[in-house]
């Protein structure tokens, strides 16, 4: 019985701390790949619910380019980090010149 209880405690802790991260390419242009990288991000809370809370989130391509001082965009990637759909963070990554 004690082993089962310990297994449930460890399994529950692992489930609670579980997270996922995924980076996806969004688009690429014919511009040469530059050395500059710009990022913009924002977090939403209670992402699994229809009333998810996203306050002041700006993970736009325009903000990422501005943050990196990029005027000619080469590639755009989107990274999403998810912790049990309670905290979802979106990050836009732009490369260019």
PDB file of N, CA and C in Angstrom:
ATOM      1  N   UNK A   1       0.819  -1.191   0.000  1.00  0.00           N
ATOM      2  CA  UNK A   1       0.000   0.000   0.000  1.00  0.00           C
ATOM      3  C   UNK A   1       0.870   1.264   0.000  1.00  0.00           C
ATOM      4  N   UNK A   2       1.958   1.210   0.751  1.00  0.00           N
ATOM      5  CA  UNK A   2       2.849   2.355   0.831  1.00  0.00           C
ATOM      6  C   UNK A   2       3.509   2.623  -0.518  1.00  0.00           C
ATOM      7  N   UNK A   3       3.856   1.554  -1.257  1.00  0.00           N
ATOM      8  CA  UNK A   3       4.461   1.705  -2.577  1.00  0.00           C
ATOM      9  C   UNK A   3       3.477   2.345  -3.552  1.00  0.00           C
ATOM     10  N   UNK A   4       2.218   1.951  -3.472  1.00  0.00           N
ATOM     11  CA  UNK A   4       1.194   2.518  -4.349  1.00  0.00           C
ATOM     12  C   UNK A   4       1.012   4.002  -4.056  1.00  0.00           C
ATOM     13  N   UNK A   5       0.999   4.344  -2.789  1.00  0.00           N
ATOM     14  CA  UNK A   5       0.850   5.747  -2.409  1.00  0.00           C
ATOM     15  C   UNK A   5       2.034   6.571  -2.925  1.00  0.00           C
ATOM     16  N   UNK A   6       3.253   6.045  -2.766  1.00  0.00           N
ATOM     17  CA  UNK A   6       4.440   6.745  -3.253  1.00  0.00           C
ATOM     18  C   UNK A   6       4.407   6.902  -4.765  1.00  0.00           C
ATOM     19  N   UNK A   7       3.949   5.855  -5.466  1.00  0.00           N
ATOM     20  CA  UNK A   7       3.841   5.912  -6.919  1.00  0.00           C
ATOM     21  C   UNK A   7       2.848   6.988  -7.347  1.00  0.00           C
ATOM     22  N   UNK A   8       1.716   7.069  -6.658  1.00  0.00           N
ATOM     23  CA  UNK A   8       0.712   8.082  -6.985  1.00  0.00           C
ATOM     24  C   UNK A   8       1.225   9.494  -6.707  1.00  0.00           C
ATOM     25  N   UNK A   9       1.969   9.660  -5.635  1.00  0.00           N
ATOM     26  CA  UNK A   9       2.530  10.978  -5.305  1.00  0.00           C
ATOM     27  C   UNK A   9       3.540  11.405  -6.357  1.00  0.00           C
ATOM     28  N   UNK A  10       4.449  10.500  -6.739  1.00  0.00           N
ATOM     29  CA  UNK A  10       5.464  10.819  -7.746  1.00  0.00           C
ATOM     30  C   UNK A  10       4.804  11.057  -9.103  1.00  0.00           C
ATOM     31  N   UNK A  11       3.841  10.211  -9.474  1.00  0.00           N
ATOM     32  CA  UNK A  11       3.129  10.383 -10.749  1.00  0.00           C
ATOM     33  C   UNK A  11       2.351  11.681 -10.797  1.00  0.00           C
ATOM     34  N   UNK A  12       1.707  12.036  -9.685  1.00  0.00           N
ATOM     35  CA  UNK A  12       0.963  13.295  -9.616  1.00  0.00           C
ATOM     36  C   UNK A  12       1.882  14.500  -9.727  1.00  0.00           C
ATOM     37  N   UNK A  13       3.028  14.428  -9.081  1.00  0.00           N
ATOM     38  CA  UNK A  13       4.002  15.528  -9.156  1.00  0.00           C
ATOM     39  C   UNK A  13       4.536  15.667 -10.577  1.00  0.00           C
ATOM     40  N   UNK A  14       4.818  14.553 -11.234  1.00  0.00           N
ATOM     41  CA  UNK A  14       5.306  14.594 -12.616  1.00  0.00           C
ATOM     42  C   UNK A  14       4.252  15.194 -13.540  1.00  0.00           C
ATOM     43  N   UNK A  15       2.991  14.834 -13.349  1.00  0.00           N
ATOM     44  CA  UNK A  15       1.922  15.383 -14.174  1.00  0.00           C
ATOM     45  C   UNK A  15       1.764  16.871 -13.931  1.00  0.00           C
ATOM     46  N   UNK A  16       1.873  17.288 -12.678  1.00  0.00           N
ATOM     47  CA  UNK A  16       1.732  18.702 -12.343  1.00  0.00           C
ATOM     48  C   UNK A  16       2.845  19.541 -12.943  1.00  0.00           C
ATOM     49  N   UNK A  17       4.041  18.994 -13.023  1.00  0.00           N
ATOM     50  CA  UNK A  17       5.189  19.732 -13.533  1.00  0.00           C
ATOM     51  C   UNK A  17       5.402  19.549 -15.028  1.00  0.00           C
ATOM     52  N   UNK A  18       4.529  18.798 -15.692  1.00  0.00           N
ATOM     53  CA  UNK A  18       4.676  18.518 -17.116  1.00  0.00           C
ATOM     54  C   UNK A  18       4.498  19.793 -17.936  1.00  0.00           C
ATOM     55  N   UNK A  19       5.267  19.887 -18.993  1.00  0.00           N
ATOM     56  CA  UNK A  19       5.135  21.016 -19.898  1.00  0.00           C
ATOM     57  C   UNK A  19       5.536  20.571 -21.297  1.00  0.00           C
ATOM     58  N   UNK A  20       5.239  21.419 -22.247  1.00  0.00           N
ATOM     59  CA  UNK A  20       5.533  21.115 -23.640  1.00  0.00           C
ATOM     60  C   UNK A  20       6.039  22.389 -24.304  1.00  0.00           C
ATOM     61  N   UNK A  21       6.998  22.245 -25.190  1.00  0.00           N
ATOM     62  CA  UNK A  21       7.512  23.379 -25.937  1.00  0.00           C
ATOM     63  C   UNK A  21       7.647  22.963 -27.394  1.00  0.00           C
ATOM     64  N   UNK A  22       7.190  23.817 -28.303  1.00  0.00           N
ATOM     65  CA  UNK A  22       7.242  23.494 -29.719  1.00  0.00           C
ATOM     66  C   UNK A  22       7.581  24.761 -30.502  1.00  0.00           C
ATOM     67  N   UNK A  23       8.538  24.637 -31.419  1.00  0.00           N
ATOM     68  CA  UNK A  23       8.902  25.748 -32.300  1.00  0.00           C
ATOM     69  C   UNK A  23       8.536  25.369 -33.719  1.00  0.00           C
ATOM     70  N   UNK A  24       7.797  26.257 -34.397  1.00  0.00           N
ATOM     71  CA  UNK A  24       7.333  25.987 -35.757  1.00  0.00           C
ATOM     72  C   UNK A  24       7.738  27.125 -36.683  1.00  0.00           C
ATOM     73  N   UNK A  25       8.173  26.787 -37.894  1.00  0.00           N
ATOM     74  CA  UNK A  25       8.421  27.853 -38.870  1.00  0.00           C
ATOM     75  C   UNK A  25       7.084  28.412 -39.361  1.00  0.00           C
ATOM     76  N   UNK A  26       7.001  29.708 -39.484  1.00  0.00           N
ATOM     77  CA  UNK A  26       5.781  30.353 -39.947  1.00  0.00           C
ATOM     78  C   UNK A  26       5.929  30.762 -41.413  1.00  0.00           C
ATOM     79  N   UNK A  27       7.013  31.470 -41.722  1.00  0.00           N
ATOM     80  CA  UNK A  27       7.217  31.908 -43.105  1.00  0.00           C
ATOM     81  C   UNK A  27       8.683  32.220 -43.345  1.00  0.00           C
ATOM     82  N   UNK A  28       9.039  32.305 -44.605  1.00  0.00           N
ATOM     83  CA  UNK A  28      10.380  32.718 -45.021  1.00  0.00           C
ATOM     84  C   UNK A  28      10.221  33.580 -46.261  1.00  0.00           C
ATOM     85  N   UNK A  29      11.138  34.516 -46.429  1.00  0.00           N
ATOM     86  CA  UNK A  29      11.096  35.392 -47.593  1.00  0.00           C
ATOM     87  C   UNK A  29      12.309  35.108 -48.471  1.00  0.00           C
ATOM     88  N   UNK A  30      12.397  35.794 -49.579  1.00  0.00           N
ATOM     89  CA  UNK A  30      13.551  35.629 -50.466  1.00  0.00           C
ATOM     90  C   UNK A  30      14.737  36.488 -50.028  1.00  0.00           C
ATOM     91  N   UNK A  31      14.564  37.258 -48.949  1.00  0.00           N
ATOM     92  CA  UNK A  31      15.671  38.069 -48.425  1.00  0.00           C
ATOM     93  C   UNK A  31      16.757  37.163 -47.857  1.00  0.00           C
ATOM     94  N   UNK A  32      17.997  37.599 -47.983  1.00  0.00           N
ATOM     95  CA  UNK A  32      19.122  36.844 -47.416  1.00  0.00           C
ATOM     96  C   UNK A  32      18.988  36.794 -45.896  1.00  0.00           C
ATOM     97  N   UNK A  33      19.382  35.669 -45.314  1.00  0.00           N
ATOM     98  CA  UNK A  33      19.304  35.522 -43.857  1.00  0.00           C
ATOM     99  C   UNK A  33      20.343  36.438 -43.217  1.00  0.00           C
ATOM    100  N   UNK A  34      19.881  37.312 -42.363  1.00  0.00           N
ATOM    101  CA  UNK A  34      20.772  38.253 -41.694  1.00  0.00           C
ATOM    102  C   UNK A  34      21.200  37.741 -40.333  1.00  0.00           C
ATOM    103  N   UNK A  35      22.016  38.520 -39.664  1.00  0.00           N
ATOM    104  CA  UNK A  35      22.544  38.112 -38.364  1.00  0.00           C
ATOM    105  C   UNK A  35      21.704  38.629 -37.200  1.00  0.00           C
ATOM    106  N   UNK A  36      20.725  39.478 -37.472  1.00  0.00           N
ATOM    107  CA  UNK A  36      19.906  40.044 -36.404  1.00  0.00           C
ATOM    108  C   UNK A  36      18.749  39.104 -36.056  1.00  0.00           C
ATOM    109  N   UNK A  37      18.428  39.062 -34.774  1.00  0.00           N
ATOM    110  CA  UNK A  37      17.301  38.262 -34.289  1.00  0.00           C
ATOM    111  C   UNK A  37      16.462  39.138 -33.376  1.00  0.00           C
ATOM    112  N   UNK A  38      15.168  39.147 -33.608  1.00  0.00           N
ATOM    113  CA  UNK A  38      14.247  39.892 -32.761  1.00  0.00           C
ATOM    114  C   UNK A  38      13.193  38.964 -32.203  1.00  0.00           C
ATOM    115  N   UNK A  39      12.774  39.224 -30.973  1.00  0.00           N
ATOM    116  CA  UNK A  39      11.784  38.371 -30.317  1.00  0.00           C
ATOM    117  C   UNK A  39      10.711  39.219 -29.669  1.00  0.00           C
ATOM    118  N   UNK A  40       9.494  38.706 -29.678  1.00  0.00           N
ATOM    119  CA  UNK A  40       8.397  39.295 -28.918  1.00  0.00           C
ATOM    120  C   UNK A  40       7.608  38.144 -28.327  1.00  0.00           C
ATOM    121  N   UNK A  41       7.069  38.345 -27.132  1.00  0.00           N
ATOM    122  CA  UNK A  41       6.364  37.242 -26.489  1.00  0.00           C
ATOM    123  C   UNK A  41       5.263  37.740 -25.582  1.00  0.00           C
ATOM    124  N   UNK A  42       4.416  36.802 -25.208  1.00  0.00           N
ATOM    125  CA  UNK A  42       3.343  37.097 -24.276  1.00  0.00           C
ATOM    126  C   UNK A  42       2.793  35.809 -23.711  1.00  0.00           C
ATOM    127  N   UNK A  43       2.215  35.891 -22.516  1.00  0.00           N
ATOM    128  CA  UNK A  43       1.671  34.708 -21.846  1.00  0.00           C
ATOM    129  C   UNK A  43       0.173  34.844 -21.655  1.00  0.00           C
ATOM    130  N   UNK A  44      -0.502  33.706 -21.767  1.00  0.00           N
ATOM    131  CA  UNK A  44      -1.933  33.624 -21.495  1.00  0.00           C
ATOM    132  C   UNK A  44      -2.124  32.621 -20.367  1.00  0.00           C
ATOM    133  N   UNK A  45      -3.107  32.857 -19.544  1.00  0.00           N
ATOM    134  CA  UNK A  45      -3.383  31.988 -18.413  1.00  0.00           C
ATOM    135  C   UNK A  45      -4.726  31.318 -18.591  1.00  0.00           C
ATOM    136  N   UNK A  46      -4.856  30.119 -18.097  1.00  0.00           N
ATOM    137  CA  UNK A  46      -6.064  29.304 -18.266  1.00  0.00           C
ATOM    138  C   UNK A  46      -6.365  29.119 -19.744  1.00  0.00           C
ATOM    139  N   UNK A  47      -5.358  28.710 -20.492  1.00  0.00           N
ATOM    140  CA  UNK A  47      -5.466  28.582 -21.949  1.00  0.00           C
ATOM    141  C   UNK A  47      -6.467  27.562 -22.424  1.00  0.00           C
ATOM    142  N   UNK A  48      -6.821  26.574 -21.593  1.00  0.00           N
ATOM    143  CA  UNK A  48      -7.752  25.528 -22.011  1.00  0.00           C
ATOM    144  C   UNK A  48      -9.198  26.000 -21.957  1.00  0.00           C
ATOM    145  N   UNK A  49      -9.454  27.111 -21.310  1.00  0.00           N
ATOM    146  CA  UNK A  49     -10.817  27.582 -21.131  1.00  0.00           C
ATOM    147  C   UNK A  49     -11.157  28.645 -22.173  1.00  0.00           C
ATOM    148  N   UNK A  50     -12.406  28.739 -22.575  1.00  0.00           N
ATOM    149  CA  UNK A  50     -12.782  29.729 -23.595  1.00  0.00           C
ATOM    150  C   UNK A  50     -12.570  31.162 -23.144  1.00  0.00           C
ATOM    151  N   UNK A  51     -12.471  31.387 -21.854  1.00  0.00           N
ATOM    152  CA  UNK A  51     -12.254  32.742 -21.338  1.00  0.00           C
ATOM    153  C   UNK A  51     -10.806  32.941 -20.913  1.00  0.00           C
ATOM    154  N   UNK A  52      -9.883  32.285 -21.617  1.00  0.00           N
ATOM    155  CA  UNK A  52      -8.456  32.392 -21.288  1.00  0.00           C
ATOM    156  C   UNK A  52      -8.039  33.847 -21.095  1.00  0.00           C
ATOM    157  N   UNK A  53      -7.154  34.082 -20.159  1.00  0.00           N
ATOM    158  CA  UNK A  53      -6.759  35.442 -19.789  1.00  0.00           C
ATOM    159  C   UNK A  53      -5.460  35.831 -20.476  1.00  0.00           C
ATOM    160  N   UNK A  54      -5.544  36.756 -21.396  1.00  0.00           N
ATOM    161  CA  UNK A  54      -4.376  37.264 -22.113  1.00  0.00           C
ATOM    162  C   UNK A  54      -4.403  38.780 -22.010  1.00  0.00           C
ATOM    163  N   UNK A  55      -3.588  39.322 -21.134  1.00  0.00           N
ATOM    164  CA  UNK A  55      -3.570  40.766 -20.936  1.00  0.00           C
ATOM    165  C   UNK A  55      -2.292  41.351 -21.509  1.00  0.00           C
ATOM    166  N   UNK A  56      -2.405  42.338 -22.372  1.00  0.00           N
ATOM    167  CA  UNK A  56      -1.245  43.045 -22.896  1.00  0.00           C
ATOM    168  C   UNK A  56      -0.287  42.160 -23.680  1.00  0.00           C
ATOM    169  N   UNK A  57      -0.799  41.136 -24.323  1.00  0.00           N
ATOM    170  CA  UNK A  57       0.051  40.214 -25.071  1.00  0.00           C
ATOM    171  C   UNK A  57       0.322  40.800 -26.453  1.00  0.00           C
ATOM    172  N   UNK A  58       1.600  40.933 -26.800  1.00  0.00           N
ATOM    173  CA  UNK A  58       1.972  41.386 -28.134  1.00  0.00           C
ATOM    174  C   UNK A  58       3.130  40.524 -28.622  1.00  0.00           C
ATOM    175  N   UNK A  59       2.785  39.425 -29.265  1.00  0.00           N
ATOM    176  CA  UNK A  59       3.792  38.534 -29.824  1.00  0.00           C
ATOM    177  C   UNK A  59       3.758  38.650 -31.349  1.00  0.00           C
ATOM    178  N   UNK A  60       3.628  39.875 -31.829  1.00  0.00           N
ATOM    179  CA  UNK A  60       3.485  40.102 -33.264  1.00  0.00           C
ATOM    180  C   UNK A  60       4.833  40.105 -33.983  1.00  0.00           C
ATOM    181  N   UNK A  61       4.768  39.872 -35.276  1.00  0.00           N
ATOM    182  CA  UNK A  61       5.966  39.900 -36.115  1.00  0.00           C
ATOM    183  C   UNK A  61       6.546  41.311 -36.123  1.00  0.00           C
ATOM    184  N   UNK A  62       5.685  42.299 -36.184  1.00  0.00           N
ATOM    185  CA  UNK A  62       6.141  43.691 -36.215  1.00  0.00           C
ATOM    186  C   UNK A  62       6.905  44.049 -34.931  1.00  0.00           C
ATOM    187  N   UNK A  63       6.407  43.620 -33.793  1.00  0.00           N
ATOM    188  CA  UNK A  63       7.099  43.905 -32.529  1.00  0.00           C
ATOM    189  C   UNK A  63       8.433  43.185 -32.453  1.00  0.00           C
ATOM    190  N   UNK A  64       8.471  41.939 -32.920  1.00  0.00           N
ATOM    191  CA  UNK A  64       9.725  41.174 -32.900  1.00  0.00           C
ATOM    192  C   UNK A  64      10.768  41.838 -33.792  1.00  0.00           C
ATOM    193  N   UNK A  65      10.350  42.270 -34.985  1.00  0.00           N
ATOM    194  CA  UNK A  65      11.280  42.938 -35.899  1.00  0.00           C
ATOM    195  C   UNK A  65      11.786  44.251 -35.292  1.00  0.00           C
ATOM    196  N   UNK A  66      10.907  44.995 -34.676  1.00  0.00           N
ATOM    197  CA  UNK A  66      11.291  46.256 -34.048  1.00  0.00           C
ATOM    198  C   UNK A  66      12.260  46.004 -32.891  1.00  0.00           C
ATOM    199  N   UNK A  67      11.992  44.978 -32.076  1.00  0.00           N
ATOM    200  CA  UNK A  67      12.861  44.654 -30.939  1.00  0.00           C
ATOM    201  C   UNK A  67      14.260  44.235 -31.381  1.00  0.00           C
ATOM    202  N   UNK A  68      14.377  43.644 -32.583  1.00  0.00           N
ATOM    203  CA  UNK A  68      15.681  43.226 -33.086  1.00  0.00           C
ATOM    204  C   UNK A  68      16.324  44.229 -34.017  1.00  0.00           C
ATOM    205  N   UNK A  69      15.654  45.357 -34.260  1.00  0.00           N
ATOM    206  CA  UNK A  69      16.184  46.362 -35.181  1.00  0.00           C
ATOM    207  C   UNK A  69      16.239  45.841 -36.608  1.00  0.00           C
ATOM    208  N   UNK A  70      15.261  45.031 -36.986  1.00  0.00           N
ATOM    209  CA  UNK A  70      15.240  44.393 -38.307  1.00  0.00           C
ATOM    210  C   UNK A  70      14.343  45.191 -39.255  1.00  0.00           C
ATOM    211  N   UNK A  71      14.868  45.505 -40.428  1.00  0.00           N
ATOM    212  CA  UNK A  71      14.083  46.197 -41.447  1.00  0.00           C
ATOM    213  C   UNK A  71      13.742  45.280 -42.621  1.00  0.00           C
ATOM    214  N   UNK A  72      14.557  44.243 -42.838  1.00  0.00           N
ATOM    215  CA  UNK A  72      14.301  43.256 -43.894  1.00  0.00           C
ATOM    216  C   UNK A  72      14.176  41.878 -43.246  1.00  0.00           C
ATOM    217  N   UNK A  73      12.963  41.353 -43.180  1.00  0.00           N
ATOM    218  CA  UNK A  73      12.703  40.077 -42.519  1.00  0.00           C
ATOM    219  C   UNK A  73      13.077  38.918 -43.441  1.00  0.00           C
ATOM    220  N   UNK A  74      13.782  37.918 -42.882  1.00  0.00           N
ATOM    221  CA  UNK A  74      14.160  36.717 -43.628  1.00  0.00           C
ATOM    222  C   UNK A  74      13.279  35.535 -43.245  1.00  0.00           C
ATOM    223  N   UNK A  75      13.197  35.244 -41.954  1.00  0.00           N
ATOM    224  CA  UNK A  75      12.389  34.120 -41.481  1.00  0.00           C
ATOM    225  C   UNK A  75      11.591  34.520 -40.253  1.00  0.00           C
ATOM    226  N   UNK A  76      10.486  33.807 -40.048  1.00  0.00           N
ATOM    227  CA  UNK A  76       9.651  34.006 -38.870  1.00  0.00           C
ATOM    228  C   UNK A  76       9.325  32.635 -38.289  1.00  0.00           C
ATOM    229  N   UNK A  77       9.610  32.464 -37.006  1.00  0.00           N
ATOM    230  CA  UNK A  77       9.280  31.235 -36.288  1.00  0.00           C
ATOM    231  C   UNK A  77       8.384  31.587 -35.117  1.00  0.00           C
ATOM    232  N   UNK A  78       7.562  30.621 -34.722  1.00  0.00           N
ATOM    233  CA  UNK A  78       6.692  30.789 -33.557  1.00  0.00           C
ATOM    234  C   UNK A  78       7.013  29.680 -32.569  1.00  0.00           C
ATOM    235  N   UNK A  79       7.243  30.044 -31.320  1.00  0.00           N
ATOM    236  CA  UNK A  79       7.487  29.060 -30.272  1.00  0.00           C
ATOM    237  C   UNK A  79       6.361  29.150 -29.256  1.00  0.00           C
ATOM    238  N   UNK A  80       5.815  27.986 -28.890  1.00  0.00           N
ATOM    239  CA  UNK A  80       4.755  27.930 -27.898  1.00  0.00           C
ATOM    240  C   UNK A  80       5.218  27.042 -26.752  1.00  0.00           C
ATOM    241  N   UNK A  81       5.108  27.548 -25.543  1.00  0.00           N
ATOM    242  CA  UNK A  81       5.415  26.770 -24.341  1.00  0.00           C
ATOM    243  C   UNK A  81       4.122  26.628 -23.555  1.00  0.00           C
ATOM    244  N   UNK A  82       3.817  25.402 -23.166  1.00  0.00           N
ATOM    245  CA  UNK A  82       2.543  25.121 -22.531  1.00  0.00           C
ATOM    246  C   UNK A  82       2.778  24.335 -21.243  1.00  0.00           C
ATOM    247  N   UNK A  83       2.234  24.831 -20.153  1.00  0.00           N
ATOM    248  CA  UNK A  83       2.302  24.128 -18.873  1.00  0.00           C
ATOM    249  C   UNK A  83       0.873  23.772 -18.481  1.00  0.00           C
ATOM    250  N   UNK A  84       0.470  22.546 -18.810  1.00  0.00           N
ATOM    251  CA  UNK A  84      -0.855  22.007 -18.475  1.00  0.00           C
ATOM    252  C   UNK A  84      -2.011  22.909 -18.917  1.00  0.00           C
ATOM    253  N   UNK A  85      -1.843  23.647 -19.965  1.00  0.00           N
ATOM    254  CA  UNK A  85      -2.837  24.605 -20.455  1.00  0.00           C
ATOM    255  C   UNK A  85      -3.222  25.642 -19.402  1.00  0.00           C
ATOM    256  N   UNK A  86      -2.434  25.767 -18.376  1.00  0.00           N
ATOM    257  CA  UNK A  86      -2.671  26.803 -17.377  1.00  0.00           C
ATOM    258  C   UNK A  86      -1.903  28.063 -17.725  1.00  0.00           C
ATOM    259  N   UNK A  87      -0.664  27.882 -18.188  1.00  0.00           N
ATOM    260  CA  UNK A  87       0.162  29.005 -18.626  1.00  0.00           C
ATOM    261  C   UNK A  87       0.670  28.661 -20.025  1.00  0.00           C
ATOM    262  N   UNK A  88       0.278  29.448 -21.000  1.00  0.00           N
ATOM    263  CA  UNK A  88       0.719  29.252 -22.373  1.00  0.00           C
ATOM    264  C   UNK A  88       1.478  30.502 -22.800  1.00  0.00           C
ATOM    265  N   UNK A  89       2.730  30.323 -23.199  1.00  0.00           N
ATOM    266  CA  UNK A  89       3.568  31.446 -23.623  1.00  0.00           C
ATOM    267  C   UNK A  89       3.831  31.332 -25.112  1.00  0.00           C
ATOM    268  N   UNK A  90       3.569  32.409 -25.838  1.00  0.00           N
ATOM    269  CA  UNK A  90       3.812  32.483 -27.273  1.00  0.00           C
ATOM    270  C   UNK A  90       4.988  33.417 -27.505  1.00  0.00           C
ATOM    271  N   UNK A  91       5.927  32.985 -28.363  1.00  0.00           N
ATOM    272  CA  UNK A  91       7.073  33.827 -28.692  1.00  0.00           C
ATOM    273  C   UNK A  91       7.274  33.816 -30.201  1.00  0.00           C
ATOM    274  N   UNK A  92       7.389  34.990 -30.774  1.00  0.00           N
ATOM    275  CA  UNK A  92       7.670  35.137 -32.193  1.00  0.00           C
ATOM    276  C   UNK A  92       9.142  35.481 -32.347  1.00  0.00           C
ATOM    277  N   UNK A  93       9.825  34.725 -33.227  1.00  0.00           N
ATOM    278  CA  UNK A  93      11.256  34.911 -33.442  1.00  0.00           C
ATOM    279  C   UNK A  93      11.462  35.294 -34.914  1.00  0.00           C
ATOM    280  N   UNK A  94      12.045  36.467 -35.144  1.00  0.00           N
ATOM    281  CA  UNK A  94      12.247  36.985 -36.490  1.00  0.00           C
ATOM    282  C   UNK A  94      13.755  37.128 -36.735  1.00  0.00           C
ATOM    283  N   UNK A  95      14.217  36.701 -37.901  1.00  0.00           N
ATOM    284  CA  UNK A  95      15.607  36.919 -38.294  1.00  0.00           C
ATOM    285  C   UNK A  95      15.636  37.786 -39.543  1.00  0.00           C
ATOM    286  N   UNK A  96      16.717  38.505 -39.718  1.00  0.00           N
ATOM    287  CA  UNK A  96      16.843  39.360 -40.896  1.00  0.00           C
ATOM    288  C   UNK A  96      17.981  40.355 -40.756  1.00  0.00           C
ATOM    289  N   UNK A  97      17.891  41.415 -41.561  1.00  0.00           N
ATOM    290  CA  UNK A  97      18.924  42.463 -41.562  1.00  0.00           C
ATOM    291  C   UNK A  97      18.362  43.755 -40.993  1.00  0.00           C
TER     292      UNK A  97
END
